[in-house]
Structures are given as C-alpha cells and as structure tokens.
Amino acid sequence: MSYAEVNGLNQYYEEHGDAPVTAEHPAMVLLHGGLGGGDMFGPILPALSARRRVITVDLQGHSHTADVDRPIRLETCADDIAALIRHLGLGRADIVGYSFGGGVALRCAIQHLDVVRKLVVVSFPFRRDGFYADVLKQQEQMAPEAAPFMKQTPMGELYERTAPRPEDFGTLIGKMGDLLRIPFDYSEEIRELEIPTELVFADADTYSLQHVSDFWALLGGGRQDGGWDGSGRPGPHRLAVLPNTTHYNVFESPALVTAVDAFLDA
C-alpha cells in the first residue's frame, strides 16, 4: 500500500503478487470503475496475481486518492497512470481497465503508447451514444444532490470507509456527472491502435451488442471468415463476451480472469 506523487496528485496504489516483473512478463495495471476503487476487484485479485504482479490504482478523487483542483477527465487520468508507470519503473505494462477505468486505460494507450504493452478494455464504449438511452438519462441526472442516496450503495460505503475526506463524496459525484455528459467518439484513434487489444463485455451490458460489434470492427474484427488457420483474424486483437454477466458484476467474474489471462499470455 503506497502513494506516489504524480501530476500534482497523491495517487494511491497497491501491489499484489510476488512474480518478478520482466519484459516478457510485465506488470498488470488494474483500473476500477467510476465511484469505485481497487478494492472492487477483491474477489478476483488472488487469481489475477497468481502468476504476475498486479498493481491496483485508485484514480483521481476515488477511494484512497484524494481529489485535486481539476476536473475529472479520461485524458488527465490517463496521464496520471502513465506517470505512475514511469515512476515505478515498470517499462511497458499491461493495462486492464473496467468501465471508467476502461476509458482511462484506452486513453493511456492512445496518449502514451510507450508505457503500454497490451490493453484490455472491459465494458466501456468507444462513443457516448453507445450507452442505452435510459442509461444516458440517468447520467444526465448525476449531481452532488444524489450523494445522500448514493451513500447507501456499495460505492458509497467504499468511499466512506477509504476516502481521506469522506465529506467530498458529493463533489466526486458531481465531477463524474460532468464527465459522463461530455460527448466523445474515439473511433479514429482506435483504428490507429497498433498494440494488441482485447475488448471484454457482459452479455447483458449497458451498451447494445451492435455497439460492441461496431467497436470490434474498429479493430478489424467481424469483417471476414477467420479461416482454418486463423489468418483472417484481426491481428493480435480479441473480443470476449462473458456469459451470464452484466455491467455491474462483470468486473468480479471468474470468466474475466480466464479471458484476460489467455490474452495476456498469448
């Protein structure tokens, strides 16, 4: 359990597993979802760290990492992660991010290719309109006034238990609401990604399967028969749709461990 000063942020991280970090077996940097923290991966951390070093990070304003005087944006959080990887001397790490953390992982790969070996994006859209309409409506209503109700949720309980300033929960909700209402479309940058990338979604996710298919197509997937020898596959990229999961439990599914391990070991 440690803190690192990166970009004016006192960022909290934990290291799990005792496997040596090498170029062939890099560390995994694991990024949580919105309003969460590294603790949310507790059910699968032992399996993920059984054969590799895993570093969980609490992003700006989340859990153990106190907020600073700047908006929460995927781009700046991605800069923080790249700075942390350099601070820890990890070389090129494998980055796995879920939901909000998936967006940060994606932006880190786009903005800081030199610190990323492989990328796993779990349950995050490439464009804002990938969310179902009712989810977009909920995002429009996300504001500090929701804090008293959100305190009763697992995210609120985690924040109350771990945050340096629990009274900042409303501020975090407001900043995350501001982030969620910003239109984005990363299509062109994703088409240019050269590092091996795996997309992981729940079979009952918060995005349509059409959006999942469109995301996969940006990486060259779903355009032709893969062929007997696999020569028609989209290079090193992979797509995994996990059965019997939703956006709200895919991050702790044993099937996620299987999908991630197979991809990173390939």
Protein backbone atom coordinates (compact mmCIF):
# COMPACT_ATOMS: atom_id res chain seq x y z
CA MET A 1 0.00 0.00 0.00
CA SER A 2 1.70 3.18 -1.19
CA TYR A 3 1.24 6.66 -2.56
CA ALA A 4 3.05 8.30 -5.46
CA GLU A 5 3.18 11.99 -6.32
CA VAL A 6 2.18 12.22 -9.99
CA ASN A 7 1.00 15.35 -11.82
CA GLY A 8 0.14 17.07 -8.52
CA LEU A 9 -1.91 14.06 -7.39
CA ASN A 10 -1.08 11.91 -4.37
CA GLN A 11 -2.12 8.67 -6.08
CA TYR A 12 -2.77 5.53 -4.07
CA TYR A 13 -1.77 2.11 -5.40
CA GLU A 14 -1.30 -1.42 -4.12
CA GLU A 15 0.93 -4.21 -5.42
CA HIS A 16 -0.35 -7.78 -5.44
CA GLY A 17 1.57 -10.96 -6.21
CA ASP A 18 5.30 -11.57 -5.97
CA ALA A 19 6.15 -12.60 -9.52
CA PRO A 20 9.16 -10.71 -10.92
CA VAL A 21 8.41 -8.01 -13.47
CA THR A 22 10.20 -8.60 -16.77
CA ALA A 23 9.75 -7.52 -20.38
CA GLU A 24 8.23 -10.94 -21.14
CA HIS A 25 6.05 -10.91 -18.00
CA PRO A 26 5.19 -7.26 -17.34
CA ALA A 27 3.12 -5.91 -14.50
CA MET A 28 -0.63 -5.56 -14.90
CA VAL A 29 -2.07 -2.16 -14.00
CA LEU A 30 -5.70 -2.67 -12.99
CA LEU A 31 -8.13 0.27 -13.11
CA HIS A 32 -11.52 0.38 -11.38
CA GLY A 33 -14.91 1.73 -12.40
CA GLY A 34 -16.50 5.07 -11.57
CA LEU A 35 -17.09 5.82 -7.85
CA GLY A 36 -15.18 2.64 -7.01
CA GLY A 37 -11.61 1.75 -6.11
CA GLY A 38 -9.09 -1.02 -6.40
CA ASP A 39 -10.93 -2.89 -3.63
CA MET A 40 -13.75 -3.72 -6.03
CA PHE A 41 -11.52 -6.34 -7.70
CA GLY A 42 -11.07 -8.20 -4.39
CA PRO A 43 -12.91 -11.37 -5.49
CA ILE A 44 -10.61 -11.94 -8.48
CA LEU A 45 -7.32 -10.39 -7.34
CA PRO A 46 -5.85 -13.66 -5.98
CA ALA A 47 -6.40 -15.36 -9.34
CA LEU A 48 -5.13 -12.40 -11.38
CA SER A 49 -1.98 -12.07 -9.27
CA ALA A 50 -1.19 -15.80 -9.03
CA ARG A 51 1.38 -15.62 -11.84
CA ARG A 52 2.02 -11.90 -12.36
CA ARG A 53 2.47 -8.65 -10.45
CA VAL A 54 -0.81 -6.72 -10.32
CA ILE A 55 -0.97 -3.05 -9.38
CA THR A 56 -4.37 -1.64 -8.48
CA VAL A 57 -4.68 2.14 -8.65
CA ASP A 58 -7.26 4.48 -7.15
CA LEU A 59 -7.93 7.16 -9.75
CA GLN A 60 -8.35 10.89 -9.08
CA GLY A 61 -10.86 11.58 -6.31
CA HIS A 62 -11.68 7.89 -5.84
CA SER A 63 -11.30 5.78 -2.70
CA HIS A 64 -7.87 6.38 -1.08
CA THR A 65 -6.79 9.03 -3.63
CA ALA A 66 -7.89 12.50 -2.53
CA ASP A 67 -9.27 14.83 -5.17
CA VAL A 68 -7.37 17.84 -6.53
CA ASP A 69 -8.50 21.13 -8.04
CA ARG A 70 -9.11 19.99 -11.60
CA PRO A 71 -12.00 18.31 -13.46
CA ILE A 72 -12.01 14.52 -13.75
CA ARG A 73 -11.27 13.66 -17.37
CA LEU A 74 -10.20 10.41 -19.02
CA GLU A 75 -7.30 12.18 -20.67
CA THR A 76 -5.78 13.61 -17.48
CA CYS A 77 -6.33 10.37 -15.56
CA ALA A 78 -4.53 8.58 -18.40
CA ASP A 79 -1.61 10.98 -17.96
CA ASP A 80 -1.58 10.11 -14.25
CA ILE A 81 -1.39 6.38 -14.99
CA ALA A 82 1.43 6.83 -17.49
CA ALA A 83 3.33 8.95 -14.94
CA LEU A 84 2.79 6.27 -12.27
CA ILE A 85 4.09 3.52 -14.57
CA ARG A 86 7.21 5.60 -15.23
CA HIS A 87 7.56 6.45 -11.53
CA LEU A 88 7.50 2.75 -10.63
CA GLY A 89 9.95 1.87 -13.40
CA LEU A 90 7.63 -0.73 -14.91
CA GLY A 91 8.64 -0.21 -18.53
CA ARG A 92 5.73 -1.28 -20.72
CA ALA A 93 2.85 -2.61 -18.60
CA ASP A 94 -0.34 -4.45 -19.46
CA ILE A 95 -3.27 -2.17 -18.66
CA VAL A 96 -6.68 -3.59 -17.77
CA GLY A 97 -9.50 -1.14 -17.09
CA TYR A 98 -13.18 -1.59 -16.28
CA SER A 99 -15.89 0.97 -17.20
CA PHE A 100 -14.49 4.42 -16.26
CA GLY A 101 -11.15 2.70 -15.77
CA GLY A 102 -11.54 1.13 -19.21
CA GLY A 103 -11.80 4.61 -20.69
CA VAL A 104 -8.69 5.68 -18.79
CA ALA A 105 -6.84 2.57 -20.00
CA LEU A 106 -7.89 3.25 -23.59
CA ARG A 107 -6.77 6.88 -23.41
CA CYS A 108 -3.47 5.82 -21.82
CA ALA A 109 -2.79 3.50 -24.75
CA ILE A 110 -3.70 6.26 -27.22
CA GLN A 111 -1.72 9.02 -25.48
CA HIS A 112 1.24 7.06 -24.06
CA LEU A 113 1.98 4.12 -26.30
CA ASP A 114 5.48 3.81 -24.87
CA VAL A 115 4.21 2.56 -21.48
CA VAL A 116 1.61 0.04 -22.70
CA ARG A 117 2.37 -3.49 -23.96
CA LYS A 118 -1.20 -4.84 -24.15
CA LEU A 119 -4.57 -3.24 -23.50
CA VAL A 120 -7.76 -4.76 -22.09
CA VAL A 121 -10.90 -2.60 -22.18
CA VAL A 122 -13.70 -4.04 -20.06
CA SER A 123 -17.24 -2.73 -20.54
CA PHE A 124 -16.54 0.75 -21.95
CA PRO A 125 -17.94 2.28 -25.18
CA PHE A 126 -15.92 3.94 -27.91
CA ARG A 127 -18.60 6.60 -28.38
CA ARG A 128 -21.01 8.15 -25.86
CA ASP A 129 -24.13 7.18 -27.77
CA GLY A 130 -23.16 3.54 -27.25
CA PHE A 131 -24.95 3.70 -23.90
CA TYR A 132 -28.62 2.68 -23.86
CA ALA A 133 -30.96 5.68 -23.84
CA ASP A 134 -32.14 5.08 -20.27
CA VAL A 135 -28.53 4.98 -19.06
CA LEU A 136 -27.82 8.30 -20.76
CA LYS A 137 -30.87 9.74 -18.98
CA GLN A 138 -29.50 8.55 -15.63
CA GLN A 139 -26.16 10.17 -16.41
CA GLU A 140 -27.91 13.49 -17.07
CA GLN A 141 -29.28 13.38 -13.52
CA MET A 142 -25.98 12.56 -11.79
CA ALA A 143 -25.24 15.52 -9.49
CA PRO A 144 -23.91 16.25 -5.96
CA GLU A 145 -27.50 16.24 -4.67
CA ALA A 146 -27.55 12.46 -5.22
CA ALA A 147 -24.87 11.89 -2.57
CA PRO A 148 -27.25 11.09 0.34
CA PHE A 149 -28.89 8.35 -1.72
CA MET A 150 -25.62 7.03 -3.18
CA LYS A 151 -24.09 6.67 0.29
CA GLN A 152 -26.24 3.60 0.80
CA THR A 153 -24.71 1.83 -2.23
CA PRO A 154 -21.55 -0.32 -2.22
CA MET A 155 -19.71 2.59 -3.89
CA GLY A 156 -20.82 4.99 -1.16
CA GLU A 157 -19.85 2.57 1.57
CA LEU A 158 -16.42 2.03 -0.02
CA TYR A 159 -15.83 5.78 -0.23
CA GLU A 160 -16.91 6.34 3.39
CA ARG A 161 -14.52 3.60 4.53
CA THR A 162 -11.44 4.51 2.46
CA ALA A 163 -11.50 8.16 1.38
CA PRO A 164 -9.19 10.66 3.14
CA ARG A 165 -12.10 13.14 3.12
CA PRO A 166 -15.43 11.24 3.15
CA GLU A 167 -17.28 14.56 3.04
CA ASP A 168 -16.08 15.00 -0.58
CA PHE A 169 -18.39 12.25 -1.90
CA GLY A 170 -20.85 14.77 -3.33
CA THR A 171 -18.04 16.57 -5.13
CA LEU A 172 -16.90 13.30 -6.69
CA ILE A 173 -20.43 12.51 -7.89
CA GLY A 174 -20.71 15.99 -9.41
CA LYS A 175 -17.38 15.70 -11.22
CA MET A 176 -18.22 12.24 -12.53
CA GLY A 177 -21.60 13.51 -13.71
CA ASP A 178 -19.84 16.30 -15.60
CA LEU A 179 -17.54 13.73 -17.21
CA LEU A 180 -20.37 11.42 -18.23
CA ARG A 181 -22.23 14.22 -20.01
CA ILE A 182 -19.31 15.08 -22.30
CA PRO A 183 -19.80 13.73 -25.86
CA PHE A 184 -16.89 11.64 -27.15
CA ASP A 185 -16.00 9.49 -30.12
CA TYR A 186 -12.64 7.71 -30.21
CA SER A 187 -13.25 5.88 -33.48
CA GLU A 188 -10.37 7.30 -35.47
CA GLU A 189 -7.82 6.89 -32.69
CA ILE A 190 -8.91 3.29 -32.07
CA ARG A 191 -8.50 2.45 -35.76
CA GLU A 192 -4.87 3.54 -35.45
CA LEU A 193 -4.11 1.48 -32.33
CA GLU A 194 -1.22 -0.87 -33.01
CA ILE A 195 -0.85 -2.59 -29.64
CA PRO A 196 -2.68 -5.89 -29.01
CA THR A 197 -6.11 -5.03 -27.61
CA GLU A 198 -8.81 -7.15 -26.04
CA LEU A 199 -12.42 -5.97 -25.68
CA VAL A 200 -14.46 -7.60 -22.92
CA PHE A 201 -18.20 -7.07 -22.48
CA ALA A 202 -21.02 -8.63 -20.50
CA ASP A 203 -23.70 -10.43 -22.47
CA ALA A 204 -26.23 -8.11 -20.78
CA ASP A 205 -24.13 -4.97 -20.70
CA THR A 206 -25.08 -1.30 -20.53
CA TYR A 207 -24.35 -0.99 -24.26
CA SER A 208 -26.05 -2.71 -27.17
CA LEU A 209 -24.44 -5.68 -28.85
CA GLN A 210 -24.48 -3.60 -32.03
CA HIS A 211 -22.18 -1.10 -30.33
CA VAL A 212 -19.94 -3.97 -29.20
CA SER A 213 -19.82 -5.21 -32.78
CA ASP A 214 -19.01 -1.72 -34.08
CA PHE A 215 -16.18 -1.40 -31.54
CA TRP A 216 -14.79 -4.77 -32.62
CA ALA A 217 -14.96 -3.65 -36.25
CA LEU A 218 -12.76 -0.63 -35.45
CA LEU A 219 -10.01 -3.12 -34.60
CA GLY A 220 -10.62 -5.02 -37.84
CA GLY A 221 -12.84 -7.72 -36.35
CA GLY A 222 -16.03 -9.21 -37.75
CA ARG A 223 -15.26 -8.41 -41.37
CA GLN A 224 -14.43 -11.81 -42.82
CA ASP A 225 -14.15 -15.50 -42.10
CA GLY A 226 -11.26 -16.22 -39.76
CA GLY A 227 -10.09 -19.14 -41.88
CA TRP A 228 -8.96 -22.63 -40.91
CA ASP A 229 -5.55 -21.31 -39.93
CA GLY A 230 -6.79 -18.11 -38.29
CA SER A 231 -5.21 -15.94 -40.96
CA GLY A 232 -8.46 -13.98 -41.30
CA ARG A 233 -8.41 -12.85 -37.69
CA PRO A 234 -7.84 -9.14 -36.89
CA GLY A 235 -4.18 -9.47 -35.97
CA PRO A 236 -3.48 -9.85 -32.24
CA HIS A 237 -6.80 -8.38 -31.08
CA ARG A 238 -9.51 -10.32 -29.25
CA LEU A 239 -13.17 -9.97 -28.31
CA ALA A 240 -14.77 -11.69 -25.31
CA VAL A 241 -18.47 -11.56 -24.40
CA LEU A 242 -18.85 -13.13 -20.97
CA PRO A 243 -21.97 -15.21 -20.35
CA ASN A 244 -24.41 -14.55 -17.53
CA THR A 245 -22.87 -11.17 -16.63
CA THR A 246 -23.95 -7.53 -16.54
CA HIS A 247 -22.09 -4.23 -16.39
CA TYR A 248 -22.47 -4.38 -12.63
CA ASN A 249 -20.78 -7.72 -11.94
CA VAL A 250 -18.52 -8.40 -14.93
CA PHE A 251 -15.54 -6.90 -13.05
CA GLU A 252 -15.63 -9.71 -10.46
CA SER A 253 -16.47 -12.62 -12.75
CA PRO A 254 -14.07 -15.61 -12.81
CA ALA A 255 -14.67 -15.63 -16.57
CA LEU A 256 -12.94 -12.25 -16.74
CA VAL A 257 -9.80 -13.77 -15.23
CA THR A 258 -9.85 -16.55 -17.82
CA ALA A 259 -10.28 -14.12 -20.72
CA VAL A 260 -7.61 -11.71 -19.51
CA ASP A 261 -5.04 -14.38 -18.65
CA ALA A 262 -5.40 -16.10 -22.02
CA PHE A 263 -4.96 -12.80 -23.88
CA LEU A 264 -2.00 -11.50 -21.88
CA ASP A 265 -0.22 -14.88 -22.09
CA ALA A 266 -0.74 -15.27 -25.83
